[in-house]
């Protein structure tokens, strides 16, 4: 049986969407930042750099003041 082909990294998928699919990555980045701005401001007041922002559908994981991933939220 022939191998299914190479694994495709998340980085490669993102770049493909950006360069071939017309995805405006910077617009997505700005929208994400705007949607969590109030929670980030609250964390900043507490001198927080590592925290999670939980919404109805996703959880933003912040490490060192940078959103490092977004995972499905378990909150319903």
PDB file of N, CA and C in Angstrom:
ATOM      1  N   UNK A   1       0.846  -1.185   0.000  1.00  0.00           N
ATOM      2  CA  UNK A   1       0.000   0.000   0.000  1.00  0.00           C
ATOM      3  C   UNK A   1       0.883   1.237   0.000  1.00  0.00           C
ATOM      4  N   UNK A   2       0.575   2.172  -0.857  1.00  0.00           N
ATOM      5  CA  UNK A   2       1.354   3.395  -0.979  1.00  0.00           C
ATOM      6  C   UNK A   2       1.054   4.353   0.173  1.00  0.00           C
ATOM      7  N   UNK A   3       2.076   5.041   0.650  1.00  0.00           N
ATOM      8  CA  UNK A   3       1.919   6.030   1.726  1.00  0.00           C
ATOM      9  C   UNK A   3       0.996   7.154   1.253  1.00  0.00           C
ATOM     10  N   UNK A   4       0.226   7.768   2.189  1.00  0.00           N
ATOM     11  CA  UNK A   4      -0.741   8.802   1.818  1.00  0.00           C
ATOM     12  C   UNK A   4      -0.118  10.128   1.413  1.00  0.00           C
ATOM     13  N   UNK A   5       1.184  10.272   1.502  1.00  0.00           N
ATOM     14  CA  UNK A   5       1.832  11.531   1.153  1.00  0.00           C
ATOM     15  C   UNK A   5       2.391  12.208   2.381  1.00  0.00           C
ATOM     16  N   UNK A   6       3.021  13.349   2.195  1.00  0.00           N
ATOM     17  CA  UNK A   6       3.652  14.013   3.336  1.00  0.00           C
ATOM     18  C   UNK A   6       2.615  14.631   4.270  1.00  0.00           C
ATOM     19  N   UNK A   7       3.010  14.756   5.522  1.00  0.00           N
ATOM     20  CA  UNK A   7       2.197  15.481   6.501  1.00  0.00           C
ATOM     21  C   UNK A   7       2.245  16.952   6.119  1.00  0.00           C
ATOM     22  N   UNK A   8       1.159  17.669   6.308  1.00  0.00           N
ATOM     23  CA  UNK A   8       1.103  19.102   5.991  1.00  0.00           C
ATOM     24  C   UNK A   8       0.969  19.859   7.309  1.00  0.00           C
ATOM     25  N   UNK A   9       1.919  20.737   7.591  1.00  0.00           N
ATOM     26  CA  UNK A   9       1.929  21.474   8.854  1.00  0.00           C
ATOM     27  C   UNK A   9       0.841  22.545   8.881  1.00  0.00           C
ATOM     28  N   UNK A  10       0.494  22.972  10.079  1.00  0.00           N
ATOM     29  CA  UNK A  10      -0.463  24.069  10.241  1.00  0.00           C
ATOM     30  C   UNK A  10       0.072  25.339   9.580  1.00  0.00           C
ATOM     31  N   UNK A  11       1.372  25.564   9.704  1.00  0.00           N
ATOM     32  CA  UNK A  11       1.996  26.747   9.094  1.00  0.00           C
ATOM     33  C   UNK A  11       1.793  26.730   7.576  1.00  0.00           C
ATOM     34  N   UNK A  12       2.004  25.557   6.967  1.00  0.00           N
ATOM     35  CA  UNK A  12       1.833  25.452   5.517  1.00  0.00           C
ATOM     36  C   UNK A  12       0.378  25.700   5.114  1.00  0.00           C
ATOM     37  N   UNK A  13      -0.567  25.186   5.890  1.00  0.00           N
ATOM     38  CA  UNK A  13      -1.986  25.410   5.595  1.00  0.00           C
ATOM     39  C   UNK A  13      -2.305  26.897   5.665  1.00  0.00           C
ATOM     40  N   UNK A  14      -1.826  27.555   6.714  1.00  0.00           N
ATOM     41  CA  UNK A  14      -2.069  28.985   6.864  1.00  0.00           C
ATOM     42  C   UNK A  14      -1.482  29.768   5.686  1.00  0.00           C
ATOM     43  N   UNK A  15      -0.253  29.468   5.303  1.00  0.00           N
ATOM     44  CA  UNK A  15       0.369  30.174   4.191  1.00  0.00           C
ATOM     45  C   UNK A  15      -0.363  29.904   2.881  1.00  0.00           C
ATOM     46  N   UNK A  16      -0.845  28.672   2.683  1.00  0.00           N
ATOM     47  CA  UNK A  16      -1.608  28.360   1.484  1.00  0.00           C
ATOM     48  C   UNK A  16      -2.883  29.190   1.442  1.00  0.00           C
ATOM     49  N   UNK A  17      -3.595  29.244   2.576  1.00  0.00           N
ATOM     50  CA  UNK A  17      -4.826  30.032   2.632  1.00  0.00           C
ATOM     51  C   UNK A  17      -4.552  31.509   2.376  1.00  0.00           C
ATOM     52  N   UNK A  18      -3.438  31.982   2.884  1.00  0.00           N
ATOM     53  CA  UNK A  18      -3.074  33.388   2.710  1.00  0.00           C
ATOM     54  C   UNK A  18      -2.705  33.693   1.250  1.00  0.00           C
ATOM     55  N   UNK A  19      -1.896  32.832   0.658  1.00  0.00           N
ATOM     56  CA  UNK A  19      -1.326  33.138  -0.662  1.00  0.00           C
ATOM     57  C   UNK A  19      -2.160  32.632  -1.829  1.00  0.00           C
ATOM     58  N   UNK A  20      -2.864  31.559  -1.648  1.00  0.00           N
ATOM     59  CA  UNK A  20      -3.668  30.990  -2.731  1.00  0.00           C
ATOM     60  C   UNK A  20      -5.167  31.211  -2.521  1.00  0.00           C
ATOM     61  N   UNK A  21      -5.584  31.282  -1.268  1.00  0.00           N
ATOM     62  CA  UNK A  21      -7.003  31.403  -0.976  1.00  0.00           C
ATOM     63  C   UNK A  21      -7.473  32.814  -0.712  1.00  0.00           C
ATOM     64  N   UNK A  22      -6.536  33.764  -0.680  1.00  0.00           N
ATOM     65  CA  UNK A  22      -6.910  35.158  -0.481  1.00  0.00           C
ATOM     66  C   UNK A  22      -7.244  35.521   0.958  1.00  0.00           C
ATOM     67  N   UNK A  23      -6.839  34.706   1.918  1.00  0.00           N
ATOM     68  CA  UNK A  23      -7.112  34.991   3.323  1.00  0.00           C
ATOM     69  C   UNK A  23      -6.232  36.146   3.785  1.00  0.00           C
ATOM     70  N   UNK A  24      -6.833  37.177   4.352  1.00  0.00           N
ATOM     71  CA  UNK A  24      -6.090  38.321   4.883  1.00  0.00           C
ATOM     72  C   UNK A  24      -5.732  38.014   6.336  1.00  0.00           C
ATOM     73  N   UNK A  25      -4.553  37.450   6.541  1.00  0.00           N
ATOM     74  CA  UNK A  25      -4.120  37.020   7.865  1.00  0.00           C
ATOM     75  C   UNK A  25      -4.078  38.189   8.846  1.00  0.00           C
ATOM     76  N   UNK A  26      -3.627  39.340   8.399  1.00  0.00           N
ATOM     77  CA  UNK A  26      -3.549  40.498   9.294  1.00  0.00           C
ATOM     78  C   UNK A  26      -4.936  40.964   9.727  1.00  0.00           C
ATOM     79  N   UNK A  27      -5.919  40.861   8.853  1.00  0.00           N
ATOM     80  CA  UNK A  27      -7.292  41.215   9.224  1.00  0.00           C
ATOM     81  C   UNK A  27      -7.823  40.244  10.274  1.00  0.00           C
ATOM     82  N   UNK A  28      -7.508  38.976  10.122  1.00  0.00           N
ATOM     83  CA  UNK A  28      -7.914  37.974  11.116  1.00  0.00           C
ATOM     84  C   UNK A  28      -7.235  38.277  12.448  1.00  0.00           C
ATOM     85  N   UNK A  29      -5.950  38.604  12.401  1.00  0.00           N
ATOM     86  CA  UNK A  29      -5.207  38.938  13.626  1.00  0.00           C
ATOM     87  C   UNK A  29      -5.855  40.132  14.340  1.00  0.00           C
ATOM     88  N   UNK A  30      -6.206  41.178  13.578  1.00  0.00           N
ATOM     89  CA  UNK A  30      -6.843  42.361  14.180  1.00  0.00           C
ATOM     90  C   UNK A  30      -8.207  42.016  14.772  1.00  0.00           C
ATOM     91  N   UNK A  31      -8.969  41.194  14.079  1.00  0.00           N
ATOM     92  CA  UNK A  31     -10.297  40.801  14.572  1.00  0.00           C
ATOM     93  C   UNK A  31     -10.182  39.997  15.863  1.00  0.00           C
ATOM     94  N   UNK A  32      -9.216  39.086  15.912  1.00  0.00           N
ATOM     95  CA  UNK A  32      -9.010  38.310  17.144  1.00  0.00           C
ATOM     96  C   UNK A  32      -8.632  39.227  18.303  1.00  0.00           C
ATOM     97  N   UNK A  33      -7.698  40.128  18.063  1.00  0.00           N
ATOM     98  CA  UNK A  33      -7.250  41.044  19.107  1.00  0.00           C
ATOM     99  C   UNK A  33      -8.405  41.911  19.606  1.00  0.00           C
ATOM    100  N   UNK A  34      -9.228  42.394  18.685  1.00  0.00           N
ATOM    101  CA  UNK A  34     -10.362  43.235  19.066  1.00  0.00           C
ATOM    102  C   UNK A  34     -11.383  42.440  19.880  1.00  0.00           C
ATOM    103  N   UNK A  35     -11.584  41.185  19.529  1.00  0.00           N
ATOM    104  CA  UNK A  35     -12.611  40.403  20.216  1.00  0.00           C
ATOM    105  C   UNK A  35     -12.225  40.048  21.651  1.00  0.00           C
ATOM    106  N   UNK A  36     -10.933  40.067  21.965  1.00  0.00           N
ATOM    107  CA  UNK A  36     -10.513  39.715  23.323  1.00  0.00           C
ATOM    108  C   UNK A  36      -9.895  40.902  24.069  1.00  0.00           C
ATOM    109  N   UNK A  37     -10.006  42.093  23.516  1.00  0.00           N
ATOM    110  CA  UNK A  37      -9.349  43.279  24.081  1.00  0.00           C
ATOM    111  C   UNK A  37      -9.753  43.540  25.527  1.00  0.00           C
ATOM    112  N   UNK A  38     -11.027  43.414  25.852  1.00  0.00           N
ATOM    113  CA  UNK A  38     -11.480  43.705  27.223  1.00  0.00           C
ATOM    114  C   UNK A  38     -10.881  42.718  28.229  1.00  0.00           C
ATOM    115  N   UNK A  39     -10.843  41.441  27.868  1.00  0.00           N
ATOM    116  CA  UNK A  39     -10.253  40.435  28.754  1.00  0.00           C
ATOM    117  C   UNK A  39      -8.750  40.646  28.901  1.00  0.00           C
ATOM    118  N   UNK A  40      -8.092  41.010  27.820  1.00  0.00           N
ATOM    119  CA  UNK A  40      -6.651  41.280  27.867  1.00  0.00           C
ATOM    120  C   UNK A  40      -6.370  42.477  28.769  1.00  0.00           C
ATOM    121  N   UNK A  41      -7.179  43.507  28.686  1.00  0.00           N
ATOM    122  CA  UNK A  41      -7.005  44.691  29.538  1.00  0.00           C
ATOM    123  C   UNK A  41      -7.155  44.319  31.009  1.00  0.00           C
ATOM    124  N   UNK A  42      -8.112  43.452  31.317  1.00  0.00           N
ATOM    125  CA  UNK A  42      -8.298  43.000  32.706  1.00  0.00           C
ATOM    126  C   UNK A  42      -7.074  42.226  33.185  1.00  0.00           C
ATOM    127  N   UNK A  43      -6.546  41.357  32.345  1.00  0.00           N
ATOM    128  CA  UNK A  43      -5.347  40.588  32.708  1.00  0.00           C
ATOM    129  C   UNK A  43      -4.155  41.515  32.899  1.00  0.00           C
ATOM    130  N   UNK A  44      -4.035  42.529  32.052  1.00  0.00           N
ATOM    131  CA  UNK A  44      -2.941  43.490  32.182  1.00  0.00           C
ATOM    132  C   UNK A  44      -2.995  44.219  33.518  1.00  0.00           C
ATOM    133  N   UNK A  45      -4.196  44.562  33.965  1.00  0.00           N
ATOM    134  CA  UNK A  45      -4.344  45.246  35.259  1.00  0.00           C
ATOM    135  C   UNK A  45      -3.887  44.361  36.407  1.00  0.00           C
ATOM    136  N   UNK A  46      -3.955  43.045  36.213  1.00  0.00           N
ATOM    137  CA  UNK A  46      -3.513  42.093  37.232  1.00  0.00           C
ATOM    138  C   UNK A  46      -2.079  41.622  36.999  1.00  0.00           C
ATOM    139  N   UNK A  47      -1.399  42.256  36.055  1.00  0.00           N
ATOM    140  CA  UNK A  47      -0.041  41.878  35.655  1.00  0.00           C
ATOM    141  C   UNK A  47       0.023  40.444  35.156  1.00  0.00           C
ATOM    142  N   UNK A  48      -1.039  40.001  34.496  1.00  0.00           N
ATOM    143  CA  UNK A  48      -1.059  38.639  33.971  1.00  0.00           C
ATOM    144  C   UNK A  48      -0.455  38.555  32.586  1.00  0.00           C
ATOM    145  N   UNK A  49       0.375  37.540  32.375  1.00  0.00           N
ATOM    146  CA  UNK A  49       0.915  37.300  31.036  1.00  0.00           C
ATOM    147  C   UNK A  49       0.563  35.899  30.537  1.00  0.00           C
ATOM    148  N   UNK A  50       0.179  35.010  31.448  1.00  0.00           N
ATOM    149  CA  UNK A  50      -0.214  33.647  31.093  1.00  0.00           C
ATOM    150  C   UNK A  50      -1.628  33.406  31.618  1.00  0.00           C
ATOM    151  N   UNK A  51      -2.577  33.220  30.695  1.00  0.00           N
ATOM    152  CA  UNK A  51      -3.958  33.031  31.090  1.00  0.00           C
ATOM    153  C   UNK A  51      -4.764  32.474  29.933  1.00  0.00           C
ATOM    154  N   UNK A  52      -6.019  32.168  30.196  1.00  0.00           N
ATOM    155  CA  UNK A  52      -6.939  31.686  29.169  1.00  0.00           C
ATOM    156  C   UNK A  52      -8.144  32.604  29.127  1.00  0.00           C
ATOM    157  N   UNK A  53      -8.625  32.865  27.926  1.00  0.00           N
ATOM    158  CA  UNK A  53      -9.854  33.636  27.747  1.00  0.00           C
ATOM    159  C   UNK A  53     -10.880  32.669  27.171  1.00  0.00           C
ATOM    160  N   UNK A  54     -11.894  32.369  27.971  1.00  0.00           N
ATOM    161  CA  UNK A  54     -12.890  31.369  27.591  1.00  0.00           C
ATOM    162  C   UNK A  54     -14.136  32.059  27.058  1.00  0.00           C
ATOM    163  N   UNK A  55     -14.529  31.705  25.849  1.00  0.00           N
ATOM    164  CA  UNK A  55     -15.770  32.214  25.259  1.00  0.00           C
ATOM    165  C   UNK A  55     -16.726  31.043  25.095  1.00  0.00           C
ATOM    166  N   UNK A  56     -17.857  31.302  24.519  1.00  0.00           N
ATOM    167  CA  UNK A  56     -18.835  30.231  24.313  1.00  0.00           C
ATOM    168  C   UNK A  56     -18.297  29.117  23.424  1.00  0.00           C
ATOM    169  N   UNK A  57     -17.539  29.476  22.402  1.00  0.00           N
ATOM    170  CA  UNK A  57     -17.112  28.466  21.424  1.00  0.00           C
ATOM    171  C   UNK A  57     -15.632  28.119  21.458  1.00  0.00           C
ATOM    172  N   UNK A  58     -14.784  29.072  21.834  1.00  0.00           N
ATOM    173  CA  UNK A  58     -13.343  28.795  21.847  1.00  0.00           C
ATOM    174  C   UNK A  58     -12.685  29.349  23.100  1.00  0.00           C
ATOM    175  N   UNK A  59     -11.485  28.827  23.378  1.00  0.00           N
ATOM    176  CA  UNK A  59     -10.653  29.330  24.458  1.00  0.00           C
ATOM    177  C   UNK A  59      -9.343  29.814  23.851  1.00  0.00           C
ATOM    178  N   UNK A  60      -8.995  31.060  24.123  1.00  0.00           N
ATOM    179  CA  UNK A  60      -7.736  31.638  23.678  1.00  0.00           C
ATOM    180  C   UNK A  60      -6.704  31.356  24.765  1.00  0.00           C
ATOM    181  N   UNK A  61      -5.594  30.746  24.420  1.00  0.00           N
ATOM    182  CA  UNK A  61      -4.528  30.458  25.378  1.00  0.00           C
ATOM    183  C   UNK A  61      -3.438  31.507  25.174  1.00  0.00           C
ATOM    184  N   UNK A  62      -3.184  32.266  26.242  1.00  0.00           N
ATOM    185  CA  UNK A  62      -2.217  33.359  26.189  1.00  0.00           C
ATOM    186  C   UNK A  62      -1.012  32.987  27.048  1.00  0.00           C
ATOM    187  N   UNK A  63       0.171  33.046  26.453  1.00  0.00           N
ATOM    188  CA  UNK A  63       1.411  32.745  27.154  1.00  0.00           C
ATOM    189  C   UNK A  63       2.384  33.880  26.883  1.00  0.00           C
ATOM    190  N   UNK A  64       2.899  34.447  27.937  1.00  0.00           N
ATOM    191  CA  UNK A  64       3.841  35.556  27.777  1.00  0.00           C
ATOM    192  C   UNK A  64       3.226  36.749  27.078  1.00  0.00           C
ATOM    193  N   UNK A  65       1.914  36.925  27.235  1.00  0.00           N
ATOM    194  CA  UNK A  65       1.222  38.052  26.624  1.00  0.00           C
ATOM    195  C   UNK A  65       0.881  37.855  25.156  1.00  0.00           C
ATOM    196  N   UNK A  66       1.104  36.657  24.619  1.00  0.00           N
ATOM    197  CA  UNK A  66       0.824  36.361  23.214  1.00  0.00           C
ATOM    198  C   UNK A  66      -0.181  35.227  23.115  1.00  0.00           C
ATOM    199  N   UNK A  67      -1.201  35.399  22.274  1.00  0.00           N
ATOM    200  CA  UNK A  67      -2.131  34.299  22.022  1.00  0.00           C
ATOM    201  C   UNK A  67      -1.355  33.244  21.245  1.00  0.00           C
ATOM    202  N   UNK A  68      -1.189  32.068  21.865  1.00  0.00           N
ATOM    203  CA  UNK A  68      -0.382  31.020  21.239  1.00  0.00           C
ATOM    204  C   UNK A  68      -1.225  29.942  20.569  1.00  0.00           C
ATOM    205  N   UNK A  69      -2.487  29.814  20.988  1.00  0.00           N
ATOM    206  CA  UNK A  69      -3.374  28.861  20.332  1.00  0.00           C
ATOM    207  C   UNK A  69      -4.816  29.174  20.689  1.00  0.00           C
ATOM    208  N   UNK A  70      -5.702  28.592  19.929  1.00  0.00           N
ATOM    209  CA  UNK A  70      -7.137  28.701  20.177  1.00  0.00           C
ATOM    210  C   UNK A  70      -7.679  27.280  20.099  1.00  0.00           C
ATOM    211  N   UNK A  71      -8.375  26.868  21.166  1.00  0.00           N
ATOM    212  CA  UNK A  71      -8.910  25.506  21.234  1.00  0.00           C
ATOM    213  C   UNK A  71     -10.419  25.561  21.434  1.00  0.00           C
ATOM    214  N   UNK A  72     -11.119  24.485  21.094  1.00  0.00           N
ATOM    215  CA  UNK A  72     -12.567  24.476  21.343  1.00  0.00           C
ATOM    216  C   UNK A  72     -12.838  24.668  22.836  1.00  0.00           C
ATOM    217  N   UNK A  73     -13.845  25.433  23.147  1.00  0.00           N
ATOM    218  CA  UNK A  73     -14.207  25.696  24.530  1.00  0.00           C
ATOM    219  C   UNK A  73     -15.051  24.555  25.070  1.00  0.00           C
ATOM    220  N   UNK A  74     -14.826  24.217  26.325  1.00  0.00           N
ATOM    221  CA  UNK A  74     -15.645  23.202  26.969  1.00  0.00           C
ATOM    222  C   UNK A  74     -16.835  23.832  27.671  1.00  0.00           C
ATOM    223  N   UNK A  75     -16.859  25.151  27.733  1.00  0.00           N
ATOM    224  CA  UNK A  75     -17.955  25.877  28.376  1.00  0.00           C
ATOM    225  C   UNK A  75     -19.154  25.895  27.454  1.00  0.00           C
ATOM    226  N   UNK A  76     -20.287  25.528  27.950  1.00  0.00           N
ATOM    227  CA  UNK A  76     -21.516  25.543  27.162  1.00  0.00           C
ATOM    228  C   UNK A  76     -22.610  26.243  27.938  1.00  0.00           C
TER     229      UNK A  76
END
